[in-house]
Protein backbone atom coordinates (compact mmCIF):
# COMPACT_ATOMS: atom_id res chain seq x y z
CA MET A 1 -26.18 51.58 -68.95
CA ALA A 2 -27.00 52.68 -72.49
CA ASN A 3 -23.16 53.37 -72.96
CA HIS A 4 -22.56 49.95 -71.72
CA SER A 5 -24.93 48.23 -73.97
CA ALA A 6 -23.57 50.12 -77.34
CA THR A 7 -20.01 49.38 -76.39
CA ALA A 8 -21.07 45.79 -75.83
CA LYS A 9 -22.57 45.86 -79.55
CA ARG A 10 -19.53 47.61 -81.00
CA ILE A 11 -17.06 45.02 -79.02
CA LEU A 12 -18.76 41.85 -79.71
CA PRO A 13 -18.09 41.54 -83.52
CA LEU A 14 -14.35 41.98 -82.77
CA ILE A 15 -14.26 39.39 -80.30
CA VAL A 16 -16.33 37.19 -82.56
CA PHE A 17 -13.97 37.75 -85.43
CA ALA A 18 -10.83 37.41 -83.26
CA GLN A 19 -12.27 34.04 -81.93
CA PHE A 20 -12.99 32.53 -85.17
CA ALA A 21 -9.55 33.58 -86.49
CA CYS A 22 -7.58 32.41 -83.44
CA THR A 23 -9.33 28.60 -82.90
CA SER A 24 -8.43 28.09 -86.64
CA LEU A 25 -5.53 26.67 -84.92
CA TRP A 26 -7.50 23.81 -83.54
CA PHE A 27 -7.92 21.25 -86.24
CA ALA A 28 -5.33 22.54 -88.52
CA GLY A 29 -3.18 19.37 -88.55
CA ASN A 30 -6.25 17.09 -89.01
CA ALA A 31 -7.27 19.13 -92.21
CA VAL A 32 -3.68 18.21 -93.56
CA LEU A 33 -3.68 14.65 -91.96
CA PRO A 34 -2.80 12.55 -95.08
CA GLU A 35 -0.16 15.12 -95.70
CA LEU A 36 1.47 15.23 -92.22
CA GLN A 37 1.50 11.11 -92.40
CA GLN A 38 3.53 11.08 -95.54
CA ALA A 39 6.05 13.77 -94.39
CA PHE A 40 6.32 12.27 -90.81
CA HIS A 41 5.68 8.89 -91.45
CA LEU A 42 2.79 8.70 -89.28
CA SER A 43 0.99 5.38 -88.78
CA VAL A 44 -3.01 4.87 -89.47
CA SER A 45 -3.80 5.49 -85.72
CA SER A 46 -2.02 8.78 -86.01
CA MET A 47 -5.49 10.60 -86.09
CA GLY A 48 -6.52 9.86 -83.18
CA ASN A 49 -2.82 10.57 -81.53
CA LEU A 50 -3.05 13.88 -83.03
CA THR A 51 -6.30 15.05 -81.89
CA SER A 52 -5.73 13.65 -78.52
CA SER A 53 -2.71 15.65 -78.22
CA VAL A 54 -4.25 18.95 -78.88
CA GLN A 55 -7.40 18.01 -76.43
CA LEU A 56 -4.93 17.07 -73.70
CA GLY A 57 -3.05 20.24 -74.07
CA PHE A 58 -6.38 22.19 -73.82
CA ILE A 59 -6.89 20.10 -70.73
CA LEU A 60 -3.77 20.70 -68.99
CA GLY A 61 -4.07 24.60 -69.93
CA THR A 62 -7.58 25.04 -68.36
CA LEU A 63 -6.37 23.39 -65.34
CA VAL A 64 -3.07 25.55 -65.22
CA PHE A 65 -5.16 28.78 -65.76
CA ALA A 66 -7.39 28.18 -63.36
CA LEU A 67 -5.26 26.92 -60.69
CA LEU A 68 -3.27 30.21 -61.38
CA SER A 69 -6.20 32.22 -61.89
CA ILE A 70 -4.66 33.84 -64.78
CA SER A 71 -7.34 35.36 -66.43
CA ASP A 72 -8.31 36.96 -63.02
CA ARG A 73 -4.72 38.20 -61.70
CA PHE A 74 -3.96 39.56 -65.30
CA SER A 75 -5.99 41.37 -67.93
CA PRO A 76 -8.02 38.71 -69.74
CA SER A 77 -7.16 40.92 -73.06
CA LYS A 78 -3.74 40.65 -72.81
CA VAL A 79 -3.91 37.11 -71.92
CA PHE A 80 -5.79 36.35 -74.95
CA PHE A 81 -3.18 37.97 -77.17
CA VAL A 82 -0.28 36.52 -75.80
CA CYS A 83 -1.78 33.21 -76.11
CA ALA A 84 -2.53 34.17 -79.67
CA ILE A 85 0.75 35.07 -80.42
CA ALA A 86 2.31 31.70 -78.58
CA GLY A 87 -0.40 29.52 -80.38
CA ALA A 88 0.83 30.82 -83.65
CA ILE A 89 4.42 30.36 -83.12
CA VAL A 90 4.34 26.69 -82.18
CA ASN A 91 1.66 26.10 -84.99
CA PHE A 92 3.91 27.34 -87.31
CA SER A 93 6.88 25.54 -85.71
CA SER A 94 5.52 22.33 -87.08
CA THR A 95 6.68 23.01 -90.39
CA LEU A 96 9.97 22.94 -89.34
CA VAL A 97 10.14 19.89 -87.54
CA SER A 98 11.12 16.44 -89.02
CA SER A 99 10.00 13.73 -85.88
CA SER A 100 6.58 12.70 -84.97
CA SER A 101 7.42 13.15 -81.38
CA SER A 102 8.01 16.97 -81.85
CA LEU A 103 4.70 17.09 -83.96
CA PHE A 104 2.78 15.71 -81.14
CA MET A 105 4.46 17.96 -78.71
CA LEU A 106 3.57 21.06 -80.86
CA ARG A 107 0.26 19.99 -81.34
CA GLY A 108 -0.06 19.71 -77.60
CA SER A 109 1.14 23.10 -76.99
CA VAL A 110 -1.57 24.60 -79.55
CA GLY A 111 -4.04 23.34 -77.53
CA PHE A 112 -2.23 24.42 -74.20
CA PHE A 113 -2.21 27.90 -75.42
CA LEU A 114 -5.75 27.34 -76.95
CA ALA A 115 -6.67 27.14 -73.19
CA GLY A 116 -6.16 31.16 -73.25
CA ILE A 117 -8.08 31.89 -76.25
CA TYR A 118 -11.35 30.16 -76.41
CA PRO A 119 -12.17 30.33 -72.50
CA VAL A 120 -10.77 33.69 -72.07
CA GLY A 121 -12.42 34.85 -75.09
CA MET A 122 -15.82 33.81 -73.55
CA LYS A 123 -14.82 35.69 -70.60
CA ILE A 124 -13.90 38.60 -72.15
CA SER A 125 -17.32 38.62 -73.74
CA SER A 126 -18.90 38.00 -70.56
CA ASP A 127 -17.29 41.39 -68.84
CA TYR A 128 -19.25 43.41 -71.59
CA HIS A 129 -22.37 41.91 -70.60
CA GLU A 130 -24.80 42.17 -67.71
CA LYS A 131 -27.46 41.20 -69.60
CA GLY A 132 -28.31 39.26 -72.94
CA LEU A 133 -24.68 36.75 -72.47
CA GLY A 134 -26.60 33.86 -73.82
CA LYS A 135 -27.05 35.53 -77.57
CA ALA A 136 -23.29 36.94 -77.19
CA LEU A 137 -22.39 33.30 -76.37
CA GLY A 138 -23.85 31.87 -78.93
CA TYR A 139 -21.99 33.71 -81.52
CA LEU A 140 -18.68 33.28 -79.65
CA VAL A 141 -19.11 29.69 -79.81
CA GLY A 142 -20.24 30.06 -83.45
CA ALA A 143 -16.82 31.84 -84.52
CA LEU A 144 -15.27 28.97 -82.88
CA VAL A 145 -17.27 26.20 -84.51
CA VAL A 146 -16.56 27.85 -87.89
CA GLY A 147 -12.81 28.74 -86.90
CA THR A 148 -12.57 25.00 -86.67
CA ALA A 149 -13.44 24.19 -89.85
CA LEU A 150 -11.90 26.81 -91.92
CA PRO A 151 -8.60 24.75 -92.44
CA HIS A 152 -10.64 22.14 -94.49
CA LEU A 153 -11.73 25.41 -96.58
CA ILE A 154 -8.07 26.34 -96.95
CA ARG A 155 -7.07 23.24 -97.72
CA ILE A 156 -9.55 23.20 -100.91
CA LEU A 157 -8.08 26.76 -101.86
CA SER A 158 -4.24 26.00 -101.71
CA ALA A 159 -5.00 22.26 -103.09
CA SER A 160 -1.70 23.17 -105.54
CA LEU A 161 0.12 24.08 -102.75
CA ASN A 162 1.64 21.92 -99.74
CA TRP A 163 0.09 21.59 -96.37
CA HIS A 164 2.41 24.41 -95.13
CA MET A 165 -0.15 26.80 -96.51
CA VAL A 166 -2.78 25.37 -94.38
CA ILE A 167 -0.25 26.14 -91.47
CA TYR A 168 1.21 29.45 -92.32
CA SER A 169 -2.51 30.43 -92.92
CA THR A 170 -3.94 29.77 -89.61
CA SER A 171 -1.09 30.88 -87.72
CA ALA A 172 -1.49 34.29 -89.43
CA LEU A 173 -5.13 34.43 -88.55
CA ALA A 174 -4.04 33.94 -84.81
CA ILE A 175 -1.74 36.62 -84.81
CA LEU A 176 -4.55 39.03 -86.33
CA GLY A 177 -6.93 37.70 -83.94
CA GLY A 178 -4.61 38.19 -81.17
CA CYS A 179 -3.96 41.83 -82.28
CA ILE A 180 -7.60 42.81 -82.61
CA VAL A 181 -8.24 42.14 -79.31
CA TYR A 182 -5.06 43.62 -77.86
CA LEU A 183 -5.56 46.82 -79.56
CA PHE A 184 -9.12 47.32 -79.91
CA VAL A 185 -10.78 45.48 -76.93
CA PRO A 186 -9.75 46.90 -73.68
CA ASP A 187 -10.86 44.99 -70.53
CA GLY A 188 -15.19 45.36 -69.99
CA PRO A 189 -16.87 47.23 -67.45
CA PHE A 190 -18.28 44.39 -65.60
CA ARG A 191 -15.07 42.58 -65.22
CA LYS A 192 -15.02 40.93 -61.74
CA GLN A 193 -11.76 40.23 -59.66
CA GLY A 194 -12.14 36.48 -59.28
CA SER A 195 -12.02 34.78 -56.09
CA LYS A 196 -8.71 32.30 -55.24
CA PHE A 197 -9.06 28.68 -56.90
CA ASP A 198 -10.31 26.27 -54.33
CA LEU A 199 -10.40 22.69 -55.29
CA SER A 200 -12.50 21.39 -52.53
CA LEU A 201 -15.56 23.29 -54.16
CA CYS A 202 -15.33 21.16 -57.43
CA PHE A 203 -16.55 18.62 -54.95
CA THR A 204 -18.92 20.66 -53.21
CA ILE A 205 -20.68 21.99 -56.46
CA PHE A 206 -21.19 18.24 -57.55
CA LYS A 207 -23.82 17.85 -54.83
CA LYS A 208 -26.20 19.66 -56.75
CA LYS A 209 -28.40 17.70 -58.74
CA GLU A 210 -28.92 20.16 -61.46
CA PHE A 211 -25.02 20.86 -62.21
CA ARG A 212 -24.52 16.91 -62.01
CA SER A 213 -26.94 16.69 -65.06
CA ALA A 214 -25.60 19.56 -66.61
CA ALA A 215 -21.68 18.33 -66.16
CA PHE A 216 -22.57 14.97 -67.23
CA GLY A 217 -24.72 15.86 -70.06
CA TYR A 218 -21.64 18.20 -71.24
CA PHE A 219 -19.38 15.24 -70.92
CA GLY A 220 -21.27 13.23 -73.27
CA HIS A 221 -21.65 16.07 -75.69
CA MET A 222 -17.66 16.75 -75.53
CA TRP A 223 -16.83 13.15 -75.91
CA GLU A 224 -19.09 13.17 -79.35
CA LEU A 225 -18.31 16.53 -80.70
CA TYR A 226 -14.70 15.95 -81.12
CA THR A 227 -15.01 12.56 -82.34
CA VAL A 228 -17.45 13.82 -85.11
CA TRP A 229 -15.15 16.68 -85.78
CA ALA A 230 -12.07 14.29 -86.08
CA PHE A 231 -13.86 11.63 -88.36
CA ILE A 232 -16.05 13.72 -90.63
CA PRO A 233 -13.41 13.85 -93.43
CA PHE A 234 -12.95 9.67 -93.06
CA LEU A 235 -16.72 9.24 -92.97
CA ILE A 236 -16.77 11.10 -96.42
CA ILE A 237 -13.76 8.92 -97.63
CA TYR A 238 -15.82 6.08 -96.86
CA TYR A 239 -18.91 7.01 -98.10
CA ASN A 240 -17.21 7.68 -101.52
CA THR A 241 -15.52 4.27 -101.53
CA GLN A 242 -18.82 2.44 -100.86
CA ASN A 243 -20.65 4.33 -103.49
CA THR A 244 -18.35 5.54 -106.26
CA SER A 245 -19.16 8.81 -105.18
CA GLN A 246 -16.74 11.76 -105.86
CA LEU A 247 -17.72 14.13 -103.03
CA ASN A 248 -15.20 16.85 -102.17
CA VAL A 249 -13.88 15.71 -98.86
CA GLY A 250 -12.39 19.07 -97.75
CA LEU A 251 -15.49 20.99 -98.88
CA TRP A 252 -18.14 19.08 -97.23
CA SER A 253 -16.18 18.53 -94.08
CA PHE A 254 -16.02 22.31 -93.84
CA ILE A 255 -19.79 22.66 -94.83
CA THR A 256 -20.60 20.04 -92.10
CA ILE A 257 -18.58 21.40 -89.43
CA ALA A 258 -19.48 25.08 -90.21
CA SER A 259 -23.20 24.51 -90.13
CA GLY A 260 -22.86 24.08 -86.14
CA GLY A 261 -21.81 27.90 -86.15
CA VAL A 262 -25.42 28.68 -87.68
CA ALA A 263 -26.80 26.23 -85.07
CA CYS A 264 -24.96 27.94 -82.25
CA VAL A 265 -26.06 31.55 -83.07
CA LEU A 266 -29.56 29.98 -83.51
CA GLY A 267 -29.14 28.23 -80.43
CA GLY A 268 -28.26 31.39 -78.31
CA TYR A 269 -31.63 33.09 -79.55
CA TRP A 270 -33.73 29.78 -78.78
CA ALA A 271 -32.13 29.63 -75.46
CA GLU A 272 -33.41 32.94 -74.43
CA LYS A 273 -36.61 32.17 -75.10
CA ARG A 274 -37.14 28.54 -74.56
CA GLY A 275 -34.66 28.14 -71.89
CA SER A 276 -31.04 26.66 -72.06
CA SER A 277 -32.07 23.36 -70.41
CA LYS A 278 -34.57 22.82 -73.17
CA THR A 279 -32.28 23.63 -75.90
CA ALA A 280 -29.43 21.48 -75.07
CA TYR A 281 -31.62 18.48 -74.32
CA LEU A 282 -33.43 19.08 -77.91
CA ALA A 283 -29.68 19.05 -79.52
CA LEU A 284 -28.39 15.95 -77.37
CA LEU A 285 -31.62 14.11 -78.42
CA ILE A 286 -31.01 14.90 -82.17
CA SER A 287 -27.33 14.50 -82.36
CA GLY A 288 -27.64 11.11 -80.25
CA VAL A 289 -29.98 10.14 -83.12
CA CYS A 290 -27.94 11.01 -85.68
CA CYS A 291 -24.90 9.06 -84.05
CA ILE A 292 -26.84 5.97 -84.05
CA PHE A 293 -28.48 6.68 -87.88
CA SER A 294 -24.38 6.90 -88.59
CA ILE A 295 -24.00 3.26 -88.67
CA PHE A 296 -26.57 3.03 -91.80
CA SER A 297 -25.76 6.44 -93.32
CA PHE A 298 -23.42 5.01 -96.18
CA GLN A 299 -26.27 3.16 -97.86
CA VAL A 300 -28.59 6.15 -98.43
CA PRO A 301 -28.63 8.29 -101.51
CA THR A 302 -25.86 11.20 -101.52
CA SER A 303 -28.55 13.77 -101.10
CA ILE A 304 -29.84 12.06 -98.03
CA PHE A 305 -26.29 11.43 -96.89
CA LEU A 306 -25.30 15.06 -96.96
CA LEU A 307 -28.39 16.54 -95.55
CA PHE A 308 -27.53 13.81 -92.66
CA LEU A 309 -24.03 15.13 -92.20
CA ILE A 310 -25.45 18.81 -92.03
CA LEU A 311 -28.10 18.17 -89.33
CA TRP A 312 -25.38 16.01 -87.06
CA GLY A 313 -22.63 18.97 -87.73
CA ALA A 314 -25.57 21.39 -86.83
CA SER A 315 -26.67 19.45 -83.30
CA VAL A 316 -23.41 17.92 -82.29
CA VAL A 317 -22.52 21.64 -81.58
């Protein structure tokens, strides 16, 4: 048991970094949306379509992976590696196409392969943790959040270059993350062979009140989360226009989203002490209040607006 615990502590940072590197693919397109609009002659509504294409691809991917029991039938580490490489390739391919339909299809494909990265990365971690999984998942989801924010930071650092640099960088990171898992993270000691997918269980489990409460709470959370992540740059731009401010859109988008990474880690520890349901309730409550307050946030002083963004970014995750 001691050996397993030591191995888990050694492996977790590798999985966390790989998760961070690979999930940078998620919002790479949103971070360079103005450039994509110009290059592909996209309409103003394209942001919603671009975000939705990734999310729909992710939903389709998770369904396919579940129906085929991919991470049970095959080594999760190898599944992670293959999806990381495939995701990097289709992400890179967006720099080679010229039509908007091809761009949306490729972004949807990125979402599909992310289904073999984010959930499978969490499964790999659970295969190493018989106990203490809550803290481990806090670090993993935190890595996802910071990885999601990373394209905004890359865009700042490569401001003098074209939008291709963000795509190149995130693709390279995904390849690096996939290789780390493949080379240094073997299947965990607590890996269990999953049972065959049974669609009827989806209806059976919804008969449980506790599961329904968690599921609908999670649905509301996800609905808000990706809306906030997608619109943060536009909220900052709008605040600048309303207050003649000069806030750096890329920098504060990164800080706002990345603050959720810290919150995830702290939430993992808090959940172990206070309970998962209480932690989730508090986060949802704060985030919901922030959502309502956002209507009035454009009239407050800049320091208050930035603190509000960071609070929302932390609680929404």
